[in-house]
Amino acid sequence: MERLPLFPLKGVLFPGAILPLHIFEERYKLMIGRCVDEQGPFGAVLIRSGEEVGGPAEPYDVGTTARISHVQRLPDGKMNLIALGERRFRIMGLDRSQPYLTGDVEYLDSEGTDVAEAEELAGRVAALFGEQVRLVMAITGQWARLLELPSQSDRLADFVAGQMDAPVSTKQELLETLSLPVRLRREEELLGDLIRRLTERWEKERRKKFAGARLN
């Protein structure tokens, strides 16, 4: 096991995702300062109960390590930083003796990554995600552009989970799902539901535009 400083958040960080943070609380100035000095990661965890700012927060057991890639130092010790999500972990024990939360963690790896079904599912999820993006762009009047997705099935699943329009509870569920085929099947289901809702919305928008064009 390894001990990590923990940063409770109101969002879910996935491996490979970018995490921008503004650091202004004294406890997190201390925590991030130590991470920078030691060139070590911290753990990003979704808050189960409590607040992100101020009082104590109770995190979910599964989170993602974040490695700081860029720091902008501001007056009064405040910082803007960019961190990159790296590895899943599970908290085995919490320590509240420091000004900030720390935890003893074990690292988690995806399971079933070499199963043939995973590659097939990844292809379907990639296609559905692309369709969802195209619908959103059509509804918002944006130009369609080439969508670059990770080629590795595990990375694709995490990328889609991070980008998908879903409640944080659903994203935490996906983060905690270690079986890659199960995670991809769940994303296929979620994207299918999202596409149906977006298609209905797009059809309504088209009917409004068509009716307006006829009146003019």
N, C-alpha and C. Protein backbone atom coordinates (compact mmCIF):
# COMPACT_ATOMS: atom_id res chain seq x y z
N MET A 1 0.84 -1.20 0.00
CA MET A 1 0.00 0.00 0.00
C MET A 1 0.88 1.25 0.00
N GLU A 2 0.27 2.33 -0.41
CA GLU A 2 0.97 3.62 -0.47
C GLU A 2 0.09 4.67 0.17
N ARG A 3 0.71 5.66 0.79
CA ARG A 3 -0.06 6.75 1.39
C ARG A 3 -0.12 7.93 0.42
N LEU A 4 -1.34 8.43 0.20
CA LEU A 4 -1.56 9.54 -0.72
C LEU A 4 -2.26 10.69 -0.01
N PRO A 5 -1.87 11.93 -0.31
CA PRO A 5 -2.71 13.06 0.08
C PRO A 5 -3.97 13.04 -0.79
N LEU A 6 -5.11 13.36 -0.22
CA LEU A 6 -6.38 13.24 -0.93
C LEU A 6 -7.03 14.61 -1.11
N PHE A 7 -7.54 14.82 -2.31
CA PHE A 7 -8.22 16.08 -2.64
C PHE A 7 -9.68 15.76 -2.96
N PRO A 8 -10.61 16.01 -2.03
CA PRO A 8 -12.04 15.74 -2.29
C PRO A 8 -12.61 16.75 -3.29
N LEU A 9 -13.35 16.22 -4.27
CA LEU A 9 -13.92 17.05 -5.33
C LEU A 9 -15.41 16.77 -5.49
N LYS A 10 -16.08 17.65 -6.20
CA LYS A 10 -17.49 17.43 -6.54
C LYS A 10 -17.64 16.77 -7.91
N GLY A 11 -16.53 16.39 -8.51
CA GLY A 11 -16.55 15.70 -9.79
C GLY A 11 -15.68 14.46 -9.73
N VAL A 12 -15.72 13.68 -10.81
CA VAL A 12 -14.98 12.41 -10.89
C VAL A 12 -13.87 12.56 -11.92
N LEU A 13 -12.66 12.23 -11.53
CA LEU A 13 -11.52 12.25 -12.44
C LEU A 13 -11.24 10.82 -12.91
N PHE A 14 -11.06 10.66 -14.23
CA PHE A 14 -10.73 9.36 -14.81
C PHE A 14 -9.27 9.35 -15.26
N PRO A 15 -8.65 8.18 -15.30
CA PRO A 15 -7.30 8.08 -15.86
C PRO A 15 -7.24 8.68 -17.26
N GLY A 16 -6.24 9.50 -17.50
CA GLY A 16 -6.06 10.13 -18.80
C GLY A 16 -6.74 11.48 -18.94
N ALA A 17 -7.59 11.84 -17.98
CA ALA A 17 -8.31 13.12 -18.07
C ALA A 17 -7.50 14.24 -17.44
N ILE A 18 -7.81 15.46 -17.85
CA ILE A 18 -7.13 16.65 -17.34
C ILE A 18 -7.96 17.27 -16.22
N LEU A 19 -7.29 17.65 -15.15
CA LEU A 19 -7.96 18.25 -13.99
C LEU A 19 -7.38 19.64 -13.73
N PRO A 20 -8.12 20.71 -14.04
CA PRO A 20 -7.68 22.06 -13.67
C PRO A 20 -8.17 22.39 -12.25
N LEU A 21 -7.35 22.98 -11.44
CA LEU A 21 -7.72 23.32 -10.07
C LEU A 21 -7.21 24.72 -9.70
N HIS A 22 -8.01 25.41 -8.91
CA HIS A 22 -7.58 26.67 -8.31
C HIS A 22 -7.40 26.41 -6.83
N ILE A 23 -6.20 26.57 -6.32
CA ILE A 23 -5.88 26.26 -4.93
C ILE A 23 -5.83 27.55 -4.13
N PHE A 24 -6.70 27.65 -3.11
CA PHE A 24 -6.73 28.86 -2.30
C PHE A 24 -6.84 28.58 -0.80
N GLU A 25 -7.32 27.40 -0.41
CA GLU A 25 -7.38 27.06 1.02
C GLU A 25 -5.99 26.73 1.54
N GLU A 26 -5.73 27.13 2.78
CA GLU A 26 -4.40 26.94 3.36
C GLU A 26 -4.00 25.46 3.38
N ARG A 27 -4.93 24.58 3.72
CA ARG A 27 -4.57 23.16 3.81
C ARG A 27 -4.17 22.59 2.45
N TYR A 28 -4.81 23.07 1.38
CA TYR A 28 -4.47 22.56 0.06
C TYR A 28 -3.26 23.27 -0.54
N LYS A 29 -3.01 24.52 -0.11
CA LYS A 29 -1.73 25.15 -0.48
C LYS A 29 -0.58 24.30 0.06
N LEU A 30 -0.72 23.85 1.31
CA LEU A 30 0.30 23.02 1.94
C LEU A 30 0.43 21.68 1.22
N MET A 31 -0.70 21.06 0.94
CA MET A 31 -0.70 19.75 0.29
C MET A 31 -0.07 19.81 -1.10
N ILE A 32 -0.54 20.75 -1.91
CA ILE A 32 -0.04 20.85 -3.28
C ILE A 32 1.42 21.29 -3.29
N GLY A 33 1.78 22.18 -2.36
CA GLY A 33 3.18 22.59 -2.26
C GLY A 33 4.09 21.40 -2.01
N ARG A 34 3.66 20.49 -1.14
CA ARG A 34 4.45 19.30 -0.87
C ARG A 34 4.51 18.38 -2.09
N CYS A 35 3.38 18.24 -2.79
CA CYS A 35 3.36 17.41 -4.00
C CYS A 35 4.32 17.95 -5.06
N VAL A 36 4.36 19.28 -5.19
CA VAL A 36 5.26 19.90 -6.17
C VAL A 36 6.71 19.68 -5.76
N ASP A 37 7.01 19.91 -4.48
CA ASP A 37 8.39 19.75 -4.00
C ASP A 37 8.87 18.31 -4.14
N GLU A 38 7.99 17.36 -3.84
CA GLU A 38 8.37 15.95 -3.87
C GLU A 38 8.10 15.29 -5.21
N GLN A 39 7.49 16.07 -6.14
CA GLN A 39 7.12 15.55 -7.46
C GLN A 39 6.28 14.27 -7.35
N GLY A 40 5.37 14.30 -6.40
CA GLY A 40 4.51 13.15 -6.16
C GLY A 40 3.07 13.44 -6.54
N PRO A 41 2.25 12.40 -6.67
CA PRO A 41 0.85 12.57 -7.04
C PRO A 41 -0.02 12.83 -5.81
N PHE A 42 -1.25 13.21 -6.06
CA PHE A 42 -2.27 13.24 -5.02
C PHE A 42 -3.48 12.44 -5.53
N GLY A 43 -4.38 12.13 -4.63
CA GLY A 43 -5.56 11.36 -5.02
C GLY A 43 -6.77 12.26 -5.17
N ALA A 44 -7.42 12.22 -6.32
CA ALA A 44 -8.66 12.96 -6.55
C ALA A 44 -9.83 12.02 -6.25
N VAL A 45 -10.69 12.42 -5.33
CA VAL A 45 -11.80 11.57 -4.90
C VAL A 45 -13.10 12.37 -4.87
N LEU A 46 -14.17 11.72 -5.28
CA LEU A 46 -15.50 12.34 -5.23
C LEU A 46 -15.98 12.41 -3.79
N ILE A 47 -16.57 13.53 -3.42
CA ILE A 47 -17.11 13.71 -2.07
C ILE A 47 -18.39 12.90 -1.92
N ARG A 48 -18.42 12.03 -0.92
CA ARG A 48 -19.64 11.29 -0.59
C ARG A 48 -20.56 12.16 0.28
N SER A 49 -19.96 12.87 1.23
CA SER A 49 -20.70 13.79 2.09
C SER A 49 -19.74 14.86 2.58
N GLY A 50 -20.30 16.03 2.91
CA GLY A 50 -19.46 17.14 3.33
C GLY A 50 -19.29 18.16 2.21
N GLU A 51 -18.31 19.04 2.36
CA GLU A 51 -18.11 20.13 1.41
C GLU A 51 -16.70 20.11 0.85
N GLU A 52 -16.58 20.63 -0.38
CA GLU A 52 -15.29 20.73 -1.04
C GLU A 52 -14.43 21.80 -0.38
N VAL A 53 -15.08 22.86 0.08
CA VAL A 53 -14.39 23.98 0.71
C VAL A 53 -14.82 24.07 2.17
N GLY A 54 -13.89 24.32 3.06
CA GLY A 54 -14.23 24.54 4.45
C GLY A 54 -14.07 23.30 5.31
N GLY A 55 -15.21 22.75 5.73
CA GLY A 55 -15.23 21.65 6.69
C GLY A 55 -14.74 20.33 6.13
N PRO A 56 -14.80 19.29 6.98
CA PRO A 56 -14.32 17.97 6.56
C PRO A 56 -15.23 17.35 5.51
N ALA A 57 -14.67 16.50 4.67
CA ALA A 57 -15.42 15.82 3.62
C ALA A 57 -15.15 14.32 3.71
N GLU A 58 -16.20 13.54 3.47
CA GLU A 58 -16.07 12.09 3.46
C GLU A 58 -16.03 11.64 2.00
N PRO A 59 -14.92 11.03 1.55
CA PRO A 59 -14.82 10.67 0.14
C PRO A 59 -15.34 9.26 -0.16
N TYR A 60 -15.63 9.01 -1.42
CA TYR A 60 -15.85 7.64 -1.89
C TYR A 60 -14.54 6.87 -1.79
N ASP A 61 -14.65 5.55 -1.78
CA ASP A 61 -13.46 4.72 -1.58
C ASP A 61 -12.55 4.66 -2.80
N VAL A 62 -13.12 4.80 -4.00
CA VAL A 62 -12.34 4.66 -5.23
C VAL A 62 -12.12 6.03 -5.87
N GLY A 63 -10.86 6.32 -6.19
CA GLY A 63 -10.52 7.58 -6.84
C GLY A 63 -9.42 7.37 -7.86
N THR A 64 -8.82 8.46 -8.30
CA THR A 64 -7.79 8.41 -9.34
C THR A 64 -6.60 9.28 -8.91
N THR A 65 -5.40 8.77 -9.07
CA THR A 65 -4.24 9.60 -8.79
C THR A 65 -4.10 10.69 -9.85
N ALA A 66 -3.61 11.83 -9.42
CA ALA A 66 -3.42 12.98 -10.32
C ALA A 66 -1.98 13.46 -10.20
N ARG A 67 -1.33 13.61 -11.33
CA ARG A 67 0.06 14.07 -11.38
C ARG A 67 0.07 15.50 -11.89
N ILE A 68 0.67 16.42 -11.13
CA ILE A 68 0.69 17.84 -11.50
C ILE A 68 1.63 18.05 -12.68
N SER A 69 1.12 18.69 -13.73
CA SER A 69 1.94 18.94 -14.91
C SER A 69 2.29 20.41 -15.08
N HIS A 70 1.50 21.29 -14.50
CA HIS A 70 1.77 22.72 -14.64
C HIS A 70 1.23 23.46 -13.42
N VAL A 71 2.01 24.40 -12.91
CA VAL A 71 1.60 25.22 -11.76
C VAL A 71 1.81 26.69 -12.08
N GLN A 72 0.79 27.48 -11.84
CA GLN A 72 0.90 28.93 -11.93
C GLN A 72 0.76 29.49 -10.52
N ARG A 73 1.81 30.08 -10.00
CA ARG A 73 1.78 30.61 -8.64
C ARG A 73 1.21 32.02 -8.64
N LEU A 74 0.31 32.27 -7.69
CA LEU A 74 -0.40 33.53 -7.57
C LEU A 74 -0.07 34.19 -6.24
N PRO A 75 -0.48 35.45 -6.05
CA PRO A 75 -0.24 36.12 -4.76
C PRO A 75 -0.87 35.34 -3.59
N ASP A 76 -0.30 35.53 -2.41
CA ASP A 76 -0.79 34.91 -1.17
C ASP A 76 -0.71 33.39 -1.19
N GLY A 77 0.18 32.85 -2.02
CA GLY A 77 0.37 31.41 -2.05
C GLY A 77 -0.68 30.64 -2.81
N LYS A 78 -1.61 31.34 -3.44
CA LYS A 78 -2.63 30.65 -4.24
C LYS A 78 -1.98 30.10 -5.50
N MET A 79 -2.65 29.11 -6.10
CA MET A 79 -2.10 28.47 -7.30
C MET A 79 -3.21 28.07 -8.26
N ASN A 80 -2.92 28.16 -9.54
CA ASN A 80 -3.69 27.47 -10.56
C ASN A 80 -2.83 26.32 -11.04
N LEU A 81 -3.44 25.16 -11.17
CA LEU A 81 -2.63 24.03 -11.61
C LEU A 81 -3.41 23.15 -12.58
N ILE A 82 -2.66 22.42 -13.36
CA ILE A 82 -3.20 21.40 -14.26
C ILE A 82 -2.60 20.07 -13.84
N ALA A 83 -3.47 19.08 -13.62
CA ALA A 83 -3.02 17.74 -13.25
C ALA A 83 -3.63 16.73 -14.22
N LEU A 84 -2.96 15.61 -14.36
CA LEU A 84 -3.41 14.56 -15.28
C LEU A 84 -3.75 13.31 -14.49
N GLY A 85 -4.95 12.78 -14.73
CA GLY A 85 -5.37 11.55 -14.07
C GLY A 85 -4.52 10.37 -14.53
N GLU A 86 -4.12 9.50 -13.57
CA GLU A 86 -3.22 8.40 -13.91
C GLU A 86 -3.80 7.02 -13.59
N ARG A 87 -3.98 6.70 -12.30
CA ARG A 87 -4.35 5.32 -11.92
C ARG A 87 -5.52 5.31 -10.93
N ARG A 88 -6.38 4.30 -11.09
CA ARG A 88 -7.42 4.07 -10.09
C ARG A 88 -6.79 3.56 -8.79
N PHE A 89 -7.45 3.89 -7.68
CA PHE A 89 -7.02 3.33 -6.40
C PHE A 89 -8.24 3.17 -5.50
N ARG A 90 -8.07 2.34 -4.49
CA ARG A 90 -9.09 2.17 -3.46
C ARG A 90 -8.51 2.57 -2.12
N ILE A 91 -9.23 3.39 -1.36
CA ILE A 91 -8.78 3.81 -0.04
C ILE A 91 -9.01 2.66 0.95
N MET A 92 -7.95 2.25 1.61
CA MET A 92 -8.04 1.18 2.59
C MET A 92 -8.13 1.73 4.02
N GLY A 93 -7.70 2.99 4.20
CA GLY A 93 -7.77 3.61 5.52
C GLY A 93 -7.51 5.09 5.40
N LEU A 94 -8.20 5.88 6.20
CA LEU A 94 -8.06 7.34 6.18
C LEU A 94 -7.28 7.83 7.39
N ASP A 95 -6.54 8.90 7.20
CA ASP A 95 -5.77 9.55 8.27
C ASP A 95 -6.14 11.03 8.27
N ARG A 96 -6.68 11.49 9.38
CA ARG A 96 -7.10 12.90 9.50
C ARG A 96 -6.18 13.70 10.41
N SER A 97 -4.98 13.18 10.65
CA SER A 97 -4.06 13.86 11.57
C SER A 97 -3.38 15.07 10.94
N GLN A 98 -3.35 15.12 9.60
CA GLN A 98 -2.75 16.26 8.90
C GLN A 98 -3.81 17.35 8.70
N PRO A 99 -3.41 18.55 8.31
CA PRO A 99 -4.41 19.58 7.98
C PRO A 99 -5.31 19.15 6.81
N TYR A 100 -4.80 18.29 5.95
CA TYR A 100 -5.57 17.76 4.82
C TYR A 100 -5.68 16.24 4.99
N LEU A 101 -6.61 15.66 4.25
CA LEU A 101 -6.89 14.24 4.35
C LEU A 101 -5.82 13.43 3.62
N THR A 102 -5.39 12.33 4.23
CA THR A 102 -4.51 11.38 3.55
C THR A 102 -5.12 9.99 3.68
N GLY A 103 -4.68 9.08 2.82
CA GLY A 103 -5.22 7.73 2.86
C GLY A 103 -4.20 6.70 2.44
N ASP A 104 -4.31 5.52 3.03
CA ASP A 104 -3.53 4.36 2.57
C ASP A 104 -4.33 3.71 1.45
N VAL A 105 -3.70 3.55 0.29
CA VAL A 105 -4.44 3.11 -0.89
C VAL A 105 -3.79 1.88 -1.53
N GLU A 106 -4.63 1.12 -2.24
CA GLU A 106 -4.13 0.07 -3.12
C GLU A 106 -4.54 0.43 -4.54
N TYR A 107 -3.66 0.15 -5.48
CA TYR A 107 -3.93 0.51 -6.87
C TYR A 107 -4.75 -0.57 -7.55
N LEU A 108 -5.61 -0.13 -8.47
CA LEU A 108 -6.54 -1.01 -9.16
C LEU A 108 -6.27 -1.00 -10.65
N ASP A 109 -6.37 -2.15 -11.27
CA ASP A 109 -6.21 -2.26 -12.72
C ASP A 109 -7.50 -2.76 -13.35
N SER A 110 -7.74 -2.35 -14.59
CA SER A 110 -8.90 -2.86 -15.31
C SER A 110 -8.77 -4.37 -15.53
N GLU A 111 -9.90 -5.04 -15.54
CA GLU A 111 -9.94 -6.48 -15.76
C GLU A 111 -10.62 -6.77 -17.09
N GLY A 112 -10.22 -7.87 -17.72
CA GLY A 112 -10.85 -8.27 -18.97
C GLY A 112 -10.43 -7.45 -20.17
N THR A 113 -9.26 -6.81 -20.08
CA THR A 113 -8.81 -5.97 -21.20
C THR A 113 -8.40 -6.79 -22.42
N ASP A 114 -8.07 -8.07 -22.21
CA ASP A 114 -7.64 -8.91 -23.32
C ASP A 114 -8.78 -9.79 -23.86
N VAL A 115 -10.00 -9.55 -23.39
CA VAL A 115 -11.15 -10.31 -23.87
C VAL A 115 -11.56 -9.76 -25.24
N ALA A 116 -11.84 -10.65 -26.19
CA ALA A 116 -12.18 -10.22 -27.55
C ALA A 116 -13.42 -9.33 -27.55
N GLU A 117 -14.35 -9.61 -26.64
CA GLU A 117 -15.59 -8.83 -26.58
C GLU A 117 -15.31 -7.36 -26.30
N ALA A 118 -14.24 -7.08 -25.55
CA ALA A 118 -13.94 -5.70 -25.18
C ALA A 118 -13.66 -4.84 -26.41
N GLU A 119 -12.93 -5.38 -27.35
CA GLU A 119 -12.61 -4.61 -28.56
C GLU A 119 -13.87 -4.34 -29.38
N GLU A 120 -14.76 -5.34 -29.47
CA GLU A 120 -16.01 -5.17 -30.21
C GLU A 120 -16.89 -4.12 -29.54
N LEU A 121 -16.99 -4.21 -28.22
CA LEU A 121 -17.78 -3.23 -27.47
C LEU A 121 -17.20 -1.83 -27.61
N ALA A 122 -15.87 -1.74 -27.57
CA ALA A 122 -15.22 -0.43 -27.70
C ALA A 122 -15.56 0.21 -29.04
N GLY A 123 -15.61 -0.58 -30.09
CA GLY A 123 -15.97 -0.05 -31.40
C GLY A 123 -17.38 0.51 -31.40
N ARG A 124 -18.31 -0.19 -30.76
CA ARG A 124 -19.70 0.28 -30.70
C ARG A 124 -19.81 1.54 -29.85
N VAL A 125 -19.10 1.56 -28.73
CA VAL A 125 -19.13 2.74 -27.86
C VAL A 125 -18.54 3.95 -28.57
N ALA A 126 -17.45 3.75 -29.31
CA ALA A 126 -16.84 4.85 -30.05
C ALA A 126 -17.82 5.42 -31.07
N ALA A 127 -18.54 4.54 -31.78
CA ALA A 127 -19.50 5.00 -32.78
C ALA A 127 -20.65 5.76 -32.13
N LEU A 128 -21.14 5.25 -31.01
CA LEU A 128 -22.24 5.93 -30.31
C LEU A 128 -21.79 7.27 -29.75
N PHE A 129 -20.59 7.31 -29.21
CA PHE A 129 -20.08 8.57 -28.67
C PHE A 129 -19.94 9.61 -29.79
N GLY A 130 -19.45 9.18 -30.95
CA GLY A 130 -19.34 10.07 -32.09
C GLY A 130 -20.70 10.61 -32.51
N GLU A 131 -21.71 9.74 -32.51
CA GLU A 131 -23.07 10.18 -32.87
C GLU A 131 -23.61 11.17 -31.85
N GLN A 132 -23.34 10.92 -30.57
CA GLN A 132 -23.78 11.85 -29.53
C GLN A 132 -23.13 13.21 -29.70
N VAL A 133 -21.85 13.24 -29.99
CA VAL A 133 -21.15 14.51 -30.21
C VAL A 133 -21.73 15.25 -31.41
N ARG A 134 -22.00 14.53 -32.50
CA ARG A 134 -22.57 15.16 -33.70
C ARG A 134 -23.94 15.75 -33.42
N LEU A 135 -24.76 15.06 -32.64
CA LEU A 135 -26.08 15.58 -32.31
C LEU A 135 -25.98 16.85 -31.46
N VAL A 136 -25.09 16.83 -30.48
CA VAL A 136 -24.91 18.02 -29.63
C VAL A 136 -24.46 19.20 -30.47
N MET A 137 -23.56 18.98 -31.39
CA MET A 137 -23.06 20.07 -32.23
C MET A 137 -24.14 20.58 -33.17
N ALA A 138 -24.97 19.66 -33.68
CA ALA A 138 -26.07 20.08 -34.55
C ALA A 138 -27.09 20.92 -33.77
N ILE A 139 -27.42 20.50 -32.57
CA ILE A 139 -28.40 21.22 -31.75
C ILE A 139 -27.89 22.60 -31.36
N THR A 140 -26.60 22.70 -31.07
CA THR A 140 -26.02 23.97 -30.62
C THR A 140 -25.49 24.81 -31.79
N GLY A 141 -25.64 24.31 -33.01
CA GLY A 141 -25.25 25.09 -34.18
C GLY A 141 -23.76 25.20 -34.39
N GLN A 142 -23.01 24.20 -33.94
CA GLN A 142 -21.56 24.22 -34.12
C GLN A 142 -21.16 23.40 -35.33
N TRP A 143 -19.96 23.69 -35.85
CA TRP A 143 -19.43 22.95 -36.98
C TRP A 143 -18.93 21.59 -36.52
N ALA A 144 -19.24 20.58 -37.29
CA ALA A 144 -18.71 19.25 -37.00
C ALA A 144 -17.22 19.23 -37.29
N ARG A 145 -16.48 18.54 -36.44
CA ARG A 145 -15.04 18.43 -36.66
C ARG A 145 -14.60 17.00 -36.41
N LEU A 146 -13.41 16.69 -36.86
CA LEU A 146 -12.89 15.34 -36.71
C LEU A 146 -12.73 15.01 -35.23
N LEU A 147 -13.27 13.86 -34.84
CA LEU A 147 -13.23 13.44 -33.45
C LEU A 147 -12.12 12.41 -33.27
N GLU A 148 -11.14 12.75 -32.45
CA GLU A 148 -10.03 11.84 -32.19
C GLU A 148 -10.26 11.12 -30.87
N LEU A 149 -10.36 9.80 -30.92
CA LEU A 149 -10.60 9.00 -29.74
C LEU A 149 -9.41 8.08 -29.47
N PRO A 150 -9.17 7.73 -28.21
CA PRO A 150 -8.08 6.78 -27.91
C PRO A 150 -8.31 5.46 -28.63
N SER A 151 -7.25 4.84 -29.09
CA SER A 151 -7.37 3.58 -29.81
C SER A 151 -7.43 2.38 -28.86
N GLN A 152 -6.85 2.52 -27.68
CA GLN A 152 -6.87 1.43 -26.70
C GLN A 152 -8.24 1.38 -26.02
N SER A 153 -8.82 0.17 -25.93
CA SER A 153 -10.19 0.01 -25.42
C SER A 153 -10.35 0.56 -24.01
N ASP A 154 -9.38 0.29 -23.14
CA ASP A 154 -9.46 0.75 -21.75
C ASP A 154 -9.43 2.28 -21.69
N ARG A 155 -8.52 2.88 -22.45
CA ARG A 155 -8.42 4.34 -22.48
C ARG A 155 -9.67 4.96 -23.09
N LEU A 156 -10.21 4.31 -24.11
CA LEU A 156 -11.44 4.80 -24.74
C LEU A 156 -12.58 4.83 -23.73
N ALA A 157 -12.72 3.74 -22.97
CA ALA A 157 -13.80 3.65 -21.98
C ALA A 157 -13.69 4.78 -20.96
N ASP A 158 -12.48 5.07 -20.49
CA ASP A 158 -12.29 6.14 -19.51
C ASP A 158 -12.52 7.52 -20.13
N PHE A 159 -12.09 7.69 -21.37
CA PHE A 159 -12.29 8.97 -22.05
C PHE A 159 -13.78 9.26 -22.21
N VAL A 160 -14.52 8.27 -22.68
CA VAL A 160 -15.97 8.44 -22.89
C VAL A 160 -16.67 8.70 -21.56
N ALA A 161 -16.28 7.95 -20.52
CA ALA A 161 -16.89 8.15 -19.21
C ALA A 161 -16.67 9.57 -18.70
N GLY A 162 -15.47 10.10 -18.92
CA GLY A 162 -15.16 11.44 -18.47
C GLY A 162 -15.89 12.52 -19.24
N GLN A 163 -16.12 12.29 -20.54
CA GLN A 163 -16.73 13.29 -21.41
C GLN A 163 -18.26 13.20 -21.44
N MET A 164 -18.78 12.07 -21.07
CA MET A 164 -20.22 11.82 -21.19
C MET A 164 -21.03 12.73 -20.28
N ASP A 165 -22.19 13.15 -20.78
CA ASP A 165 -23.12 13.94 -19.99
C ASP A 165 -23.90 12.98 -19.09
N ALA A 166 -23.46 12.85 -17.85
CA ALA A 166 -24.07 11.91 -16.91
C ALA A 166 -23.89 12.44 -15.49
N PRO A 167 -24.77 12.04 -14.57
CA PRO A 167 -24.62 12.46 -13.17
C PRO A 167 -23.30 11.96 -12.59
N VAL A 168 -22.81 12.67 -11.57
CA VAL A 168 -21.54 12.26 -10.97
C VAL A 168 -21.65 10.88 -10.33
N SER A 169 -22.85 10.52 -9.85
CA SER A 169 -23.03 9.19 -9.26
C SER A 169 -22.82 8.10 -10.30
N THR A 170 -23.26 8.35 -11.54
CA THR A 170 -23.07 7.40 -12.63
C THR A 170 -21.60 7.34 -13.01
N LYS A 171 -20.93 8.48 -13.03
CA LYS A 171 -19.51 8.50 -13.36
C LYS A 171 -18.70 7.76 -12.29
N GLN A 172 -19.08 7.93 -11.03
CA GLN A 172 -18.39 7.20 -9.98
C GLN A 172 -18.61 5.70 -10.13
N GLU A 173 -19.81 5.31 -10.52
CA GLU A 173 -20.10 3.89 -10.80
C GLU A 173 -19.17 3.35 -11.88
N LEU A 174 -18.97 4.13 -12.93
CA LEU A 174 -18.09 3.70 -14.02
C LEU A 174 -16.63 3.63 -13.55
N LEU A 175 -16.24 4.58 -12.72
CA LEU A 175 -14.87 4.56 -12.20
C LEU A 175 -14.63 3.30 -11.37
N GLU A 176 -15.64 2.89 -10.62
CA GLU A 176 -15.51 1.74 -9.74
C GLU A 176 -15.65 0.41 -10.46
N THR A 177 -16.12 0.43 -11.71
CA THR A 177 -16.31 -0.80 -12.48
C THR A 177 -14.98 -1.22 -13.10
N LEU A 178 -14.35 -2.24 -12.53
CA LEU A 178 -13.03 -2.66 -13.00
C LEU A 178 -13.11 -3.53 -14.24
N SER A 179 -14.19 -4.28 -14.41
CA SER A 179 -14.33 -5.11 -15.61
C SER A 179 -14.54 -4.22 -16.83
N LEU A 180 -13.62 -4.26 -17.77
CA LEU A 180 -13.73 -3.42 -18.96
C LEU A 180 -14.96 -3.76 -19.80
N PRO A 181 -15.26 -5.04 -20.06
CA PRO A 181 -16.48 -5.33 -20.82
C PRO A 181 -17.74 -4.81 -20.14
N VAL A 182 -17.83 -4.96 -18.82
CA VAL A 182 -19.01 -4.47 -18.09
C VAL A 182 -19.10 -2.95 -18.19
N ARG A 183 -17.97 -2.27 -18.04
CA ARG A 183 -17.95 -0.81 -18.14
C ARG A 183 -18.39 -0.34 -19.51
N LEU A 184 -17.89 -1.01 -20.55
CA LEU A 184 -18.25 -0.63 -21.92
C LEU A 184 -19.72 -0.91 -22.20
N ARG A 185 -20.25 -2.02 -21.69
CA ARG A 185 -21.68 -2.31 -21.90
C ARG A 185 -22.55 -1.25 -21.22
N ARG A 186 -22.12 -0.82 -20.04
CA ARG A 186 -22.88 0.24 -19.33
C ARG A 186 -22.81 1.55 -20.11
N GLU A 187 -21.66 1.87 -20.68
CA GLU A 187 -21.54 3.09 -21.48
C GLU A 187 -22.38 2.99 -22.74
N GLU A 188 -22.43 1.81 -23.35
CA GLU A 188 -23.28 1.61 -24.53
C GLU A 188 -24.74 1.90 -24.20
N GLU A 189 -25.17 1.41 -23.05
CA GLU A 189 -26.55 1.64 -22.60
C GLU A 189 -26.81 3.13 -22.34
N LEU A 190 -25.88 3.77 -21.63
CA LEU A 190 -26.04 5.19 -21.31
C LEU A 190 -26.05 6.06 -22.56
N LEU A 191 -25.14 5.77 -23.48
CA LEU A 191 -25.06 6.55 -24.72
C LEU A 191 -26.31 6.35 -25.57
N GLY A 192 -26.83 5.12 -25.60
CA GLY A 192 -28.06 4.85 -26.35
C GLY A 192 -29.21 5.69 -25.82
N ASP A 193 -29.36 5.75 -24.49
CA ASP A 193 -30.42 6.57 -23.89
C ASP A 193 -30.20 8.06 -24.20
N LEU A 194 -28.96 8.50 -24.10
CA LEU A 194 -28.65 9.91 -24.36
C LEU A 194 -28.92 10.27 -25.81
N ILE A 195 -28.56 9.41 -26.73
CA ILE A 195 -28.78 9.67 -28.15
C ILE A 195 -30.28 9.75 -28.46
N ARG A 196 -31.08 8.89 -27.84
CA ARG A 196 -32.53 8.96 -28.05
C ARG A 196 -33.09 10.30 -27.59
N ARG A 197 -32.64 10.77 -26.45
CA ARG A 197 -33.12 12.06 -25.95
C ARG A 197 -32.65 13.21 -26.85
N LEU A 198 -31.41 13.15 -27.28
CA LEU A 198 -30.87 14.20 -28.15
C LEU A 198 -31.55 14.19 -29.52
N THR A 199 -31.85 13.01 -30.04
CA THR A 199 -32.53 12.90 -31.33
C THR A 199 -33.91 13.53 -31.26
N GLU A 200 -34.64 13.27 -30.18
CA GLU A 200 -35.96 13.89 -30.00
C GLU A 200 -35.84 15.41 -29.94
N ARG A 201 -34.82 15.87 -29.22
CA ARG A 201 -34.61 17.32 -29.13
C ARG A 201 -34.26 17.92 -30.48
N TRP A 202 -33.42 17.23 -31.24
CA TRP A 202 -33.01 17.71 -32.56
C TRP A 202 -34.20 17.77 -33.52
N GLU A 203 -35.06 16.74 -33.45
CA GLU A 203 -36.24 16.73 -34.32
C GLU A 203 -37.17 17.89 -33.98
N LYS A 204 -37.31 18.19 -32.70
CA LYS A 204 -38.14 19.34 -32.30
C LYS A 204 -37.55 20.64 -32.84
N GLU A 205 -36.22 20.78 -32.73
CA GLU A 205 -35.55 21.98 -33.24
C GLU A 205 -35.74 22.12 -34.75
N ARG A 206 -35.64 21.00 -35.46
CA ARG A 206 -35.82 21.04 -36.91
C ARG A 206 -37.24 21.43 -37.29
N ARG A 207 -38.23 20.89 -36.54
CA ARG A 207 -39.62 21.24 -36.85
C ARG A 207 -39.88 22.72 -36.61
N LYS A 208 -39.28 23.26 -35.54
CA LYS A 208 -39.44 24.69 -35.25
C LYS A 208 -38.85 25.53 -36.38
N LYS A 209 -37.65 25.16 -36.82
CA LYS A 209 -37.00 25.91 -37.89
C LYS A 209 -37.79 25.82 -39.19
N PHE A 210 -38.31 24.63 -39.47
CA PHE A 210 -39.07 24.44 -40.70
C PHE A 210 -40.36 25.25 -40.67
N ALA A 211 -41.03 25.24 -39.48
CA ALA A 211 -42.27 26.01 -39.35
C ALA A 211 -41.98 27.50 -39.48
N GLY A 212 -40.87 27.97 -38.90
CA GLY A 212 -40.50 29.38 -39.02
C GLY A 212 -40.19 29.78 -40.43
N ALA A 213 -39.53 28.88 -41.19
CA ALA A 213 -39.18 29.17 -42.58
C ALA A 213 -40.45 29.27 -43.43
N ARG A 214 -41.45 28.42 -43.15
CA ARG A 214 -42.70 28.46 -43.92
C ARG A 214 -43.48 29.74 -43.66
N LEU A 215 -43.44 30.22 -42.39
CA LEU A 215 -44.15 31.46 -42.06
C LEU A 215 -43.52 32.66 -42.74
N ASN A 216 -42.18 32.60 -42.91
CA ASN A 216 -41.50 33.71 -43.58
C ASN A 216 -41.66 33.65 -45.09
